[in-house]
Amino acid sequence: MLLRISLIVAILAGVGVIGVSQFVLRPQIEGIITEREYNKTEWDKTSRELTKTKTTLKTTTENLVKTEATLDETKAQLVATTSKFESEQQRANGLQENLTRTRAELKTAKDELFTWASLGLKVEEIKGLIVAKNDLDKENGALKDENGLLIKKVRKLTDEILALTSDKELDPLVPREIQGKVLVVDPKWDFLVLDIGAQNELPVRGVMLISRNGELVAKVRVMDVQERRSIANIMPGWKLKDVMEGDAVLAY
């Protein structure tokens, strides 16, 4: 009997504990469940927003890549356009220069044409005058050459006449245009080798001056004349300085 009573008391105590537990823990459990449901809802919401953000980021990245490609293409087109513009600018400048030069040449031609027209001459007559002028220039050149030969002959004849009519020997005339240099110097015997000769019409016994830097060094007399060379002796009393190779030789 005592055992039955104890069992009943234990059962009643358990039921009381369960009732108390249900009364105390149930609100906590329900709060936990509510909080879990809220957290799950927020997680799903956050997950959806993250997915949307990733999609937006991907789209933005693709658009950025496209924009960069478009920018590079635009830069390349800009460089090509700039190069083409500079080329066209240079071409335009060249055309402008050609136009300016052509206008100047045209003006010159008009001025020349006006000048010729004012003379009352036709084109055919002008051509004839040009031909005649060229012929006269050639004849004039030939006359100058002939005149030079005649002058040389006159000088030679004059020297011969003076030599025949004079009691003392005269120095032959040396053409003023004759110039040369000293090739060899013999200081012991005072004779020189010059780089001028018969081809320069240098006369035997002609008197020449030796100069260095514009100063007179000596006076020499030509004793022997070859085709391209000649030998000269320093005249007594006219050795002002020692003659050196390379000194200038001038007509006296």
C-alpha atoms as a PDB file:
ATOM      1  CA  MET A   1       0.000   0.000   0.000  1.00  0.00           C
ATOM      2  CA  LEU A   2       2.812   2.332   0.912  1.00  0.00           C
ATOM      3  CA  LEU A   3       4.515   1.512  -2.366  1.00  0.00           C
ATOM      4  CA  ARG A   4       1.406   2.387  -4.353  1.00  0.00           C
ATOM      5  CA  ILE A   5       1.100   5.670  -2.546  1.00  0.00           C
ATOM      6  CA  SER A   6       4.757   6.475  -3.220  1.00  0.00           C
ATOM      7  CA  LEU A   7       4.312   5.619  -6.913  1.00  0.00           C
ATOM      8  CA  ILE A   8       1.245   7.827  -7.166  1.00  0.00           C
ATOM      9  CA  VAL A   9       3.102  10.668  -5.454  1.00  0.00           C
ATOM     10  CA  ALA A  10       6.043  10.232  -7.827  1.00  0.00           C
ATOM     11  CA  ILE A  11       3.729  10.243 -10.849  1.00  0.00           C
ATOM     12  CA  LEU A  12       1.984  13.375  -9.596  1.00  0.00           C
ATOM     13  CA  ALA A  13       5.360  15.033  -8.973  1.00  0.00           C
ATOM     14  CA  GLY A  14       6.501  14.165 -12.517  1.00  0.00           C
ATOM     15  CA  VAL A  15       3.296  15.531 -13.986  1.00  0.00           C
ATOM     16  CA  GLY A  16       3.809  18.689 -11.971  1.00  0.00           C
ATOM     17  CA  VAL A  17       7.378  19.012 -13.178  1.00  0.00           C
ATOM     18  CA  ILE A  18       6.262  18.480 -16.784  1.00  0.00           C
ATOM     19  CA  GLY A  19       3.508  21.041 -16.336  1.00  0.00           C
ATOM     20  CA  VAL A  20       5.913  23.522 -14.833  1.00  0.00           C
ATOM     21  CA  SER A  21       8.450  22.824 -17.629  1.00  0.00           C
ATOM     22  CA  GLN A  22       5.790  23.334 -20.290  1.00  0.00           C
ATOM     23  CA  PHE A  23       4.641  26.518 -18.630  1.00  0.00           C
ATOM     24  CA  VAL A  24       8.214  27.936 -18.242  1.00  0.00           C
ATOM     25  CA  LEU A  25      10.121  26.546 -21.288  1.00  0.00           C
ATOM     26  CA  ARG A  26       7.457  26.764 -23.953  1.00  0.00           C
ATOM     27  CA  PRO A  27       7.684  30.557 -24.367  1.00  0.00           C
ATOM     28  CA  GLN A  28      11.466  30.287 -24.593  1.00  0.00           C
ATOM     29  CA  ILE A  29      11.253  27.534 -27.195  1.00  0.00           C
ATOM     30  CA  GLU A  30       8.697  29.479 -29.179  1.00  0.00           C
ATOM     31  CA  GLY A  31      10.984  32.562 -29.006  1.00  0.00           C
ATOM     32  CA  ILE A  32      13.893  30.506 -30.250  1.00  0.00           C
ATOM     33  CA  ILE A  33      11.770  29.108 -33.090  1.00  0.00           C
ATOM     34  CA  THR A  34      10.562  32.606 -33.988  1.00  0.00           C
ATOM     35  CA  GLU A  35      14.105  33.964 -33.926  1.00  0.00           C
ATOM     36  CA  ARG A  36      15.253  31.038 -36.078  1.00  0.00           C
ATOM     37  CA  GLU A  37      12.504  31.689 -38.604  1.00  0.00           C
ATOM     38  CA  TYR A  38      13.391  35.391 -38.664  1.00  0.00           C
ATOM     39  CA  ASN A  39      17.093  34.634 -39.102  1.00  0.00           C
ATOM     40  CA  LYS A  40      16.279  32.194 -41.931  1.00  0.00           C
ATOM     41  CA  THR A  41      14.111  34.802 -43.614  1.00  0.00           C
ATOM     42  CA  GLU A  42      16.844  37.405 -43.290  1.00  0.00           C
ATOM     43  CA  TRP A  43      19.444  34.887 -44.544  1.00  0.00           C
ATOM     44  CA  ASP A  44      17.333  34.085 -47.598  1.00  0.00           C
ATOM     45  CA  LYS A  45      16.835  37.794 -48.200  1.00  0.00           C
ATOM     46  CA  THR A  46      20.549  38.476 -47.833  1.00  0.00           C
ATOM     47  CA  SER A  47      21.381  35.522 -50.078  1.00  0.00           C
ATOM     48  CA  ARG A  48      19.041  36.849 -52.779  1.00  0.00           C
ATOM     49  CA  GLU A  49      20.532  40.343 -52.482  1.00  0.00           C
ATOM     50  CA  LEU A  50      24.050  38.865 -52.689  1.00  0.00           C
ATOM     51  CA  THR A  51      23.108  36.900 -55.802  1.00  0.00           C
ATOM     52  CA  LYS A  52      21.592  40.033 -57.304  1.00  0.00           C
ATOM     53  CA  THR A  53      24.706  42.030 -56.372  1.00  0.00           C
ATOM     54  CA  LYS A  54      26.968  39.414 -57.985  1.00  0.00           C
ATOM     55  CA  THR A  55      24.856  39.523 -61.128  1.00  0.00           C
ATOM     56  CA  THR A  56      25.000  43.326 -61.144  1.00  0.00           C
ATOM     57  CA  LEU A  57      28.771  43.234 -60.558  1.00  0.00           C
ATOM     58  CA  LYS A  58      29.230  40.794 -63.432  1.00  0.00           C
ATOM     59  CA  THR A  59      27.152  42.964 -65.724  1.00  0.00           C
ATOM     60  CA  THR A  60      29.055  46.070 -64.605  1.00  0.00           C
ATOM     61  CA  THR A  61      32.393  44.300 -65.185  1.00  0.00           C
ATOM     62  CA  GLU A  62      31.325  43.245 -68.677  1.00  0.00           C
ATOM     63  CA  ASN A  63      30.170  46.773 -69.423  1.00  0.00           C
ATOM     64  CA  LEU A  64      33.464  48.120 -68.105  1.00  0.00           C
ATOM     65  CA  VAL A  65      35.427  45.751 -70.368  1.00  0.00           C
ATOM     66  CA  LYS A  66      33.312  46.846 -73.329  1.00  0.00           C
ATOM     67  CA  THR A  67      33.802  50.489 -72.380  1.00  0.00           C
ATOM     68  CA  GLU A  68      37.589  50.043 -72.142  1.00  0.00           C
ATOM     69  CA  ALA A  69      37.636  48.297 -75.534  1.00  0.00           C
ATOM     70  CA  THR A  70      35.561  51.113 -77.009  1.00  0.00           C
ATOM     71  CA  LEU A  71      37.902  53.656 -75.410  1.00  0.00           C
ATOM     72  CA  ASP A  72      40.990  51.936 -76.893  1.00  0.00           C
ATOM     73  CA  GLU A  73      39.320  51.843 -80.295  1.00  0.00           C
ATOM     74  CA  THR A  74      38.419  55.520 -79.956  1.00  0.00           C
ATOM     75  CA  LYS A  75      42.010  56.359 -79.011  1.00  0.00           C
ATOM     76  CA  ALA A  76      43.323  54.447 -82.043  1.00  0.00           C
ATOM     77  CA  GLN A  77      40.853  56.261 -84.289  1.00  0.00           C
ATOM     78  CA  LEU A  78      41.899  59.563 -82.722  1.00  0.00           C
ATOM     79  CA  VAL A  79      45.586  58.820 -83.396  1.00  0.00           C
ATOM     80  CA  ALA A  80      44.809  57.819 -86.985  1.00  0.00           C
ATOM     81  CA  THR A  81      42.666  60.907 -87.478  1.00  0.00           C
ATOM     82  CA  THR A  82      45.366  63.155 -85.984  1.00  0.00           C
ATOM     83  CA  SER A  83      48.039  61.600 -88.224  1.00  0.00           C
ATOM     84  CA  LYS A  84      45.804  62.001 -91.258  1.00  0.00           C
ATOM     85  CA  PHE A  85      45.085  65.603 -90.292  1.00  0.00           C
ATOM     86  CA  GLU A  86      48.793  66.386 -89.926  1.00  0.00           C
ATOM     87  CA  SER A  87      49.488  64.749 -93.288  1.00  0.00           C
ATOM     88  CA  GLU A  88      46.712  66.714 -94.935  1.00  0.00           C
ATOM     89  CA  GLN A  89      47.965  69.874 -93.217  1.00  0.00           C
ATOM     90  CA  GLN A  90      51.470  69.310 -94.597  1.00  0.00           C
ATOM     91  CA  ARG A  91      50.017  68.615 -98.017  1.00  0.00           C
ATOM     92  CA  ALA A  92      47.950  71.792 -97.787  1.00  0.00           C
ATOM     93  CA  ASN A  93      51.029  73.778 -96.773  1.00  0.00           C
ATOM     94  CA  GLY A  94      52.939  72.300 -99.720  1.00  0.00           C
ATOM     95  CA  LEU A  95      50.103  73.179-102.078  1.00  0.00           C
ATOM     96  CA  GLN A  96      50.027  76.691-100.658  1.00  0.00           C
ATOM     97  CA  GLU A  97      53.786  77.061-101.187  1.00  0.00           C
ATOM     98  CA  ASN A  98      53.462  75.741-104.733  1.00  0.00           C
ATOM     99  CA  LEU A  99      50.584  78.128-105.349  1.00  0.00           C
ATOM    100  CA  THR A 100      52.568  81.077-103.995  1.00  0.00           C
ATOM    101  CA  ARG A 101      55.616  80.125-106.091  1.00  0.00           C
ATOM    102  CA  THR A 102      53.454  79.606-109.169  1.00  0.00           C
ATOM    103  CA  ARG A 103      51.806  82.991-108.672  1.00  0.00           C
ATOM    104  CA  ALA A 104      55.219  84.635-108.328  1.00  0.00           C
ATOM    105  CA  GLU A 105      56.478  82.871-111.476  1.00  0.00           C
ATOM    106  CA  LEU A 106      53.299  83.847-113.295  1.00  0.00           C
ATOM    107  CA  LYS A 107      53.731  87.480-112.258  1.00  0.00           C
ATOM    108  CA  THR A 108      57.376  87.405-113.404  1.00  0.00           C
ATOM    109  CA  ALA A 109      56.335  85.868-116.698  1.00  0.00           C
ATOM    110  CA  LYS A 110      53.624  88.518-117.138  1.00  0.00           C
ATOM    111  CA  ASP A 111      56.109  91.278-116.352  1.00  0.00           C
ATOM    112  CA  GLU A 112      58.616  89.844-118.838  1.00  0.00           C
ATOM    113  CA  LEU A 113      55.892  89.411-121.430  1.00  0.00           C
ATOM    114  CA  PHE A 114      54.789  93.007-120.891  1.00  0.00           C
ATOM    115  CA  THR A 115      58.397  94.156-121.257  1.00  0.00           C
ATOM    116  CA  TRP A 116      58.845  92.261-124.520  1.00  0.00           C
ATOM    117  CA  ALA A 117      55.450  93.447-125.728  1.00  0.00           C
ATOM    118  CA  SER A 118      56.403  97.052-124.985  1.00  0.00           C
ATOM    119  CA  LEU A 119      59.414  96.611-127.291  1.00  0.00           C
ATOM    120  CA  GLY A 120      57.079  95.805-130.158  1.00  0.00           C
ATOM    121  CA  LEU A 121      58.819  92.489-130.914  1.00  0.00           C
ATOM    122  CA  LYS A 122      57.188  89.207-131.818  1.00  0.00           C
ATOM    123  CA  VAL A 123      58.159  85.829-130.360  1.00  0.00           C
ATOM    124  CA  GLU A 124      59.843  84.741-133.594  1.00  0.00           C
ATOM    125  CA  GLU A 125      61.882  87.946-133.652  1.00  0.00           C
ATOM    126  CA  ILE A 126      62.912  87.450-130.010  1.00  0.00           C
ATOM    127  CA  LYS A 127      64.160  83.941-130.795  1.00  0.00           C
ATOM    128  CA  GLY A 128      66.176  85.339-133.692  1.00  0.00           C
ATOM    129  CA  LEU A 129      67.683  88.011-131.464  1.00  0.00           C
ATOM    130  CA  ILE A 130      68.671  85.409-128.865  1.00  0.00           C
ATOM    131  CA  VAL A 131      70.368  83.280-131.524  1.00  0.00           C
ATOM    132  CA  ALA A 132      72.133  86.344-132.892  1.00  0.00           C
ATOM    133  CA  LYS A 133      73.280  87.325-129.383  1.00  0.00           C
ATOM    134  CA  ASN A 134      74.708  83.840-128.773  1.00  0.00           C
ATOM    135  CA  ASP A 135      76.563  84.017-132.092  1.00  0.00           C
ATOM    136  CA  LEU A 136      77.933  87.444-131.180  1.00  0.00           C
ATOM    137  CA  ASP A 137      79.055  86.156-127.775  1.00  0.00           C
ATOM    138  CA  LYS A 138      80.968  83.318-129.472  1.00  0.00           C
ATOM    139  CA  GLU A 139      82.546  85.726-131.953  1.00  0.00           C
ATOM    140  CA  ASN A 140      83.409  88.100-129.124  1.00  0.00           C
ATOM    141  CA  GLY A 141      85.100  85.262-127.205  1.00  0.00           C
ATOM    142  CA  ALA A 142      87.085  84.284-130.296  1.00  0.00           C
ATOM    143  CA  LEU A 143      88.110  87.926-130.798  1.00  0.00           C
ATOM    144  CA  LYS A 144      89.245  88.152-127.164  1.00  0.00           C
ATOM    145  CA  ASP A 145      91.399  85.063-127.601  1.00  0.00           C
ATOM    146  CA  GLU A 146      92.827  86.432-130.834  1.00  0.00           C
ATOM    147  CA  ASN A 147      93.425  89.800-129.186  1.00  0.00           C
ATOM    148  CA  GLY A 148      95.310  88.074-126.365  1.00  0.00           C
ATOM    149  CA  LEU A 149      97.547  86.317-128.922  1.00  0.00           C
ATOM    150  CA  LEU A 150      98.163  89.606-130.727  1.00  0.00           C
ATOM    151  CA  ILE A 151      99.109  91.330-127.470  1.00  0.00           C
ATOM    152  CA  LYS A 152     101.611  88.578-126.708  1.00  0.00           C
ATOM    153  CA  LYS A 153     103.074  88.876-130.232  1.00  0.00           C
ATOM    154  CA  VAL A 154     103.308  92.652-129.828  1.00  0.00           C
ATOM    155  CA  ARG A 155     105.135  92.226-126.534  1.00  0.00           C
ATOM    156  CA  LYS A 156     107.532  89.744-128.097  1.00  0.00           C
ATOM    157  CA  LEU A 157     108.183  92.004-131.108  1.00  0.00           C
ATOM    158  CA  THR A 158     108.645  94.970-128.789  1.00  0.00           C
ATOM    159  CA  ASP A 159     111.232  93.039-126.799  1.00  0.00           C
ATOM    160  CA  GLU A 160     113.031  92.089-130.014  1.00  0.00           C
ATOM    161  CA  ILE A 161     112.977  95.675-131.315  1.00  0.00           C
ATOM    162  CA  LEU A 162     114.291  97.004-128.012  1.00  0.00           C
ATOM    163  CA  ALA A 163     116.983  94.356-127.989  1.00  0.00           C
ATOM    164  CA  LEU A 164     118.046  95.290-131.546  1.00  0.00           C
ATOM    165  CA  THR A 165     117.930  99.055-131.055  1.00  0.00           C
ATOM    166  CA  SER A 166     119.367  99.277-127.528  1.00  0.00           C
ATOM    167  CA  ASP A 167     123.034  99.184-126.644  1.00  0.00           C
ATOM    168  CA  LYS A 168     122.451  97.275-123.390  1.00  0.00           C
ATOM    169  CA  GLU A 169     120.610  94.084-122.768  1.00  0.00           C
ATOM    170  CA  LEU A 170     117.035  94.577-121.509  1.00  0.00           C
ATOM    171  CA  ASP A 171     115.029  92.234-119.272  1.00  0.00           C
ATOM    172  CA  PRO A 172     112.280  90.497-121.268  1.00  0.00           C
ATOM    173  CA  LEU A 173     108.718  91.312-120.246  1.00  0.00           C
ATOM    174  CA  VAL A 174     107.034  88.681-118.040  1.00  0.00           C
ATOM    175  CA  PRO A 175     103.204  88.450-118.426  1.00  0.00           C
ATOM    176  CA  ARG A 176     101.554  89.876-115.330  1.00  0.00           C
ATOM    177  CA  GLU A 177      99.217  86.894-114.975  1.00  0.00           C
ATOM    178  CA  ILE A 178     102.085  84.427-114.461  1.00  0.00           C
ATOM    179  CA  GLN A 179     102.166  83.086-110.886  1.00  0.00           C
ATOM    180  CA  GLY A 180     103.754  79.996-109.356  1.00  0.00           C
ATOM    181  CA  LYS A 181     105.558  78.483-106.405  1.00  0.00           C
ATOM    182  CA  VAL A 182     109.081  77.526-105.417  1.00  0.00           C
ATOM    183  CA  LEU A 183     109.584  73.751-105.665  1.00  0.00           C
ATOM    184  CA  VAL A 184     113.272  73.343-104.737  1.00  0.00           C
ATOM    185  CA  VAL A 185     115.806  75.657-103.048  1.00  0.00           C
ATOM    186  CA  ASP A 186     119.615  75.341-103.187  1.00  0.00           C
ATOM    187  CA  PRO A 187     120.823  77.789-100.507  1.00  0.00           C
ATOM    188  CA  LYS A 188     124.485  77.122-101.334  1.00  0.00           C
ATOM    189  CA  TRP A 189     124.290  78.220-104.972  1.00  0.00           C
ATOM    190  CA  ASP A 190     121.182  80.412-104.646  1.00  0.00           C
ATOM    191  CA  PHE A 191     119.272  78.734-107.455  1.00  0.00           C
ATOM    192  CA  LEU A 192     115.622  77.713-107.396  1.00  0.00           C
ATOM    193  CA  VAL A 193     113.305  75.356-109.262  1.00  0.00           C
ATOM    194  CA  LEU A 194     109.913  76.926-110.066  1.00  0.00           C
ATOM    195  CA  ASP A 195     106.648  75.180-111.050  1.00  0.00           C
ATOM    196  CA  ILE A 196     106.106  77.468-114.097  1.00  0.00           C
ATOM    197  CA  GLY A 197     107.623  77.133-117.547  1.00  0.00           C
ATOM    198  CA  ALA A 198     107.104  77.387-121.299  1.00  0.00           C
ATOM    199  CA  GLN A 199     103.421  76.441-121.041  1.00  0.00           C
ATOM    200  CA  ASN A 200     102.980  79.616-119.024  1.00  0.00           C
ATOM    201  CA  GLU A 201     104.953  81.594-121.672  1.00  0.00           C
ATOM    202  CA  LEU A 202     107.704  82.350-119.177  1.00  0.00           C
ATOM    203  CA  PRO A 203     110.631  83.975-121.036  1.00  0.00           C
ATOM    204  CA  VAL A 204     114.280  83.149-120.447  1.00  0.00           C
ATOM    205  CA  ARG A 205     116.031  85.855-118.374  1.00  0.00           C
ATOM    206  CA  GLY A 206     112.664  87.062-117.148  1.00  0.00           C
ATOM    207  CA  VAL A 207     112.715  88.629-113.692  1.00  0.00           C
ATOM    208  CA  MET A 208     110.379  87.258-111.001  1.00  0.00           C
ATOM    209  CA  LEU A 209     109.692  88.206-107.389  1.00  0.00           C
ATOM    210  CA  ILE A 210     109.653  85.733-104.492  1.00  0.00           C
ATOM    211  CA  SER A 211     107.057  86.570-101.824  1.00  0.00           C
ATOM    212  CA  ARG A 212     105.967  85.069 -98.519  1.00  0.00           C
ATOM    213  CA  ASN A 213     102.854  86.213 -96.658  1.00  0.00           C
ATOM    214  CA  GLY A 214     102.750  89.392 -98.727  1.00  0.00           C
ATOM    215  CA  GLU A 215     106.392  90.338 -98.006  1.00  0.00           C
ATOM    216  CA  LEU A 216     109.211  90.465-100.578  1.00  0.00           C
ATOM    217  CA  VAL A 217     111.789  87.750 -99.963  1.00  0.00           C
ATOM    218  CA  ALA A 218     114.014  87.943-103.075  1.00  0.00           C
ATOM    219  CA  LYS A 219     114.245  88.853-106.755  1.00  0.00           C
ATOM    220  CA  VAL A 220     115.313  86.119-109.205  1.00  0.00           C
ATOM    221  CA  ARG A 221     116.177  85.812-112.897  1.00  0.00           C
ATOM    222  CA  VAL A 222     114.977  82.841-114.949  1.00  0.00           C
ATOM    223  CA  MET A 223     117.981  81.101-116.521  1.00  0.00           C
ATOM    224  CA  ASP A 224     116.441  77.975-118.043  1.00  0.00           C
ATOM    225  CA  VAL A 225     112.867  77.286-119.137  1.00  0.00           C
ATOM    226  CA  GLN A 226     111.347  73.842-119.624  1.00  0.00           C
ATOM    227  CA  GLU A 227     107.777  72.893-120.487  1.00  0.00           C
ATOM    228  CA  ARG A 228     106.453  72.793-116.906  1.00  0.00           C
ATOM    229  CA  ARG A 229     109.499  73.808-114.882  1.00  0.00           C
ATOM    230  CA  SER A 230     112.140  76.523-114.838  1.00  0.00           C
ATOM    231  CA  ILE A 231     115.426  77.277-113.075  1.00  0.00           C
ATOM    232  CA  ALA A 232     116.139  80.719-111.635  1.00  0.00           C
ATOM    233  CA  ASN A 233     119.060  82.365-109.820  1.00  0.00           C
ATOM    234  CA  ILE A 234     118.714  84.862-106.970  1.00  0.00           C
ATOM    235  CA  MET A 235     119.905  88.248-108.259  1.00  0.00           C
ATOM    236  CA  PRO A 236     122.863  89.763-106.370  1.00  0.00           C
ATOM    237  CA  GLY A 237     121.797  92.152-103.622  1.00  0.00           C
ATOM    238  CA  TRP A 238     118.153  91.005-103.753  1.00  0.00           C
ATOM    239  CA  LYS A 239     118.203  88.207-101.205  1.00  0.00           C
ATOM    240  CA  LEU A 240     116.262  89.880 -98.395  1.00  0.00           C
ATOM    241  CA  LYS A 241     115.417  86.624 -96.621  1.00  0.00           C
ATOM    242  CA  ASP A 242     116.155  82.930 -97.084  1.00  0.00           C
ATOM    243  CA  VAL A 243     113.917  81.522 -99.811  1.00  0.00           C
ATOM    244  CA  MET A 244     111.812  78.530 -98.735  1.00  0.00           C
ATOM    245  CA  GLU A 245     109.929  75.837-100.631  1.00  0.00           C
ATOM    246  CA  GLY A 246     106.346  76.906-101.179  1.00  0.00           C
ATOM    247  CA  ASP A 247     107.103  80.631-101.439  1.00  0.00           C
ATOM    248  CA  ALA A 248     104.986  82.450-104.027  1.00  0.00           C
ATOM    249  CA  VAL A 249     106.470  83.474-107.387  1.00  0.00           C
ATOM    250  CA  LEU A 250     105.093  86.658-109.014  1.00  0.00           C
ATOM    251  CA  ALA A 251     105.813  88.610-112.183  1.00  0.00           C
ATOM    252  CA  TYR A 252     108.088  91.635-111.664  1.00  0.00           C
END
